Protein backbone atom coordinates (compact mmCIF):
# COMPACT_ATOMS: atom_id res chain seq x y z
CA GLY A 1 -44.26 49.65 -13.99
CA VAL A 2 -44.21 49.61 -10.20
CA GLN A 3 -40.81 49.09 -8.68
CA THR A 4 -40.70 46.54 -5.94
CA CYS A 5 -38.12 46.75 -2.81
CA ALA A 6 -35.77 44.01 -2.38
CA LEU A 7 -35.84 44.49 1.38
CA PRO A 8 -37.81 42.16 3.48
CA ILE A 9 -40.95 43.43 4.70
CA LEU A 10 -40.55 43.19 8.64
CA LYS A 11 -43.99 41.80 9.70
CA TYR A 12 -44.88 42.79 13.40
CA ASP A 13 -47.09 39.79 13.87
CA GLU A 14 -46.72 37.81 16.95
CA ASN A 15 -46.44 34.51 15.27
CA ALA A 16 -43.86 35.99 12.36
CA VAL A 17 -41.30 36.86 14.76
CA LYS A 18 -41.67 33.90 16.79
CA GLN A 19 -41.14 31.87 13.53
CA SER A 20 -38.04 34.08 12.66
CA ILE A 21 -36.76 33.45 16.22
CA ARG A 22 -36.76 29.62 15.77
CA ASN A 23 -35.49 29.94 12.61
CA LEU A 24 -32.51 32.00 13.41
CA VAL A 25 -31.71 29.66 16.80
CA LEU A 26 -32.31 26.53 14.31
CA THR A 27 -30.08 27.71 11.23
CA ALA A 28 -26.77 26.49 11.20
CA ASN A 29 -24.08 29.02 9.75
CA TYR A 30 -23.41 28.67 5.69
CA GLU A 31 -26.93 26.49 5.87
CA ARG A 32 -28.90 29.59 4.03
CA PRO A 33 -27.65 30.18 0.10
CA PHE A 34 -26.21 33.55 -0.44
CA HIS A 35 -26.30 34.19 3.70
CA PRO A 36 -23.69 32.59 5.32
CA GLU A 37 -23.72 34.90 8.26
CA ILE A 38 -27.05 34.22 9.19
CA GLY A 39 -27.19 31.44 11.72
CA CYS A 40 -26.62 30.18 15.13
CA GLN A 41 -23.71 27.82 16.37
CA VAL A 42 -26.02 25.99 18.92
CA TYR A 43 -25.79 22.98 17.48
CA ASN A 44 -22.17 22.43 18.23
CA GLN A 45 -22.95 22.76 21.82
CA LEU A 46 -25.12 19.65 21.67
CA PHE A 47 -22.05 17.57 20.64
CA GLU A 48 -20.00 18.66 23.97
CA ASN A 49 -20.43 17.59 27.38
CA PHE A 50 -23.10 19.38 28.93
CA THR A 51 -22.00 21.58 31.85
CA PRO A 52 -22.92 24.75 33.07
CA ILE A 53 -20.50 26.65 30.73
CA THR A 54 -22.56 24.91 28.00
CA VAL A 55 -25.89 26.60 29.31
CA THR A 56 -23.91 29.96 29.41
CA ILE A 57 -22.49 29.70 25.83
CA VAL A 58 -26.04 28.32 24.39
CA ARG A 59 -27.69 31.81 25.94
CA GLN A 60 -25.00 34.09 24.72
CA THR A 61 -24.82 32.63 21.13
CA VAL A 62 -28.70 32.95 21.12
CA TYR A 63 -28.79 36.26 22.20
CA ASN A 64 -26.10 37.50 19.85
CA VAL A 65 -27.80 35.93 17.05
CA LEU A 66 -31.21 37.63 17.84
CA LEU A 67 -29.39 40.97 18.82
CA LYS A 68 -27.67 41.03 15.15
CA PHE A 69 -30.76 39.73 13.16
CA GLU A 70 -34.06 40.46 14.67
CA PRO A 71 -34.35 44.31 15.11
CA ARG A 72 -38.04 43.97 16.04
CA ILE A 73 -37.64 42.61 19.27
CA LEU A 74 -35.62 43.33 22.74
CA VAL A 75 -34.73 40.49 24.51
CA LEU A 76 -35.50 40.27 28.03
CA ASN A 77 -34.31 36.65 28.99
CA ILE A 78 -33.16 33.47 27.50
CA ASP A 79 -33.41 30.28 29.74
CA VAL A 80 -31.71 27.48 28.52
CA ASP A 81 -32.99 23.76 29.93
CA SER A 82 -30.32 20.89 29.23
CA LYS A 83 -31.80 17.55 28.91
CA PRO A 84 -28.26 15.39 28.47
CA ASP A 85 -30.13 12.25 28.73
CA TYR A 86 -32.05 13.12 25.80
CA ASN A 87 -29.21 14.71 23.95
CA SER A 88 -31.44 17.90 23.81
CA LEU A 89 -31.74 21.53 24.93
CA GLY A 90 -34.83 23.52 25.28
CA VAL A 91 -34.26 27.43 24.43
CA THR A 92 -36.97 29.82 25.97
CA VAL A 93 -36.51 33.11 24.70
CA THR A 94 -38.89 36.05 26.40
CA PHE A 95 -38.83 39.00 24.73
CA ARG A 96 -41.13 42.16 23.66
CA PHE A 97 -41.34 44.28 20.37
CA THR A 98 -39.76 47.42 20.50
CA ASN A 99 -42.97 49.32 20.46
CA ASP A 100 -44.85 47.16 22.94
CA PRO A 101 -44.35 46.40 26.65
CA ARG A 102 -45.68 43.06 26.94
CA PRO A 103 -43.31 40.25 27.20
CA ILE A 104 -43.76 37.23 24.73
CA THR A 105 -42.02 33.76 25.29
CA VAL A 106 -41.27 31.27 22.45
CA THR A 107 -39.47 27.91 23.07
CA THR A 108 -37.39 25.61 20.88
CA PHE A 109 -35.88 22.55 21.42
CA LEU A 110 -32.89 21.47 19.84
CA ASN A 111 -32.11 17.46 19.48
CA ARG A 112 -28.96 15.70 18.63
CA VAL A 113 -29.53 13.07 15.98
CA ARG A 114 -27.87 9.69 16.88
């Protein structure tokens, strides 16, 4: 028979990578069964008072998770737009594929549920 590889196939499709970035940012640690290491701690910041330090922490947290779990891309910029009146954060990641110089942008919104 044909043996199959257990490793995930890395698709270099723009939409697939954008979805992967969104998933990484929106997934909390221990949320994925058997993979507690995959995830981002940005939701914790939604319950803190919004300060310039909050923005820095969110930016660094998103950068770290993408660096660790998304080898297909190089992160060019992470912009965090806090909307404390709405208990939400907008995280915009500008990246490029490791083999393509064109910058690509994806935005994810994090909302604290009351």
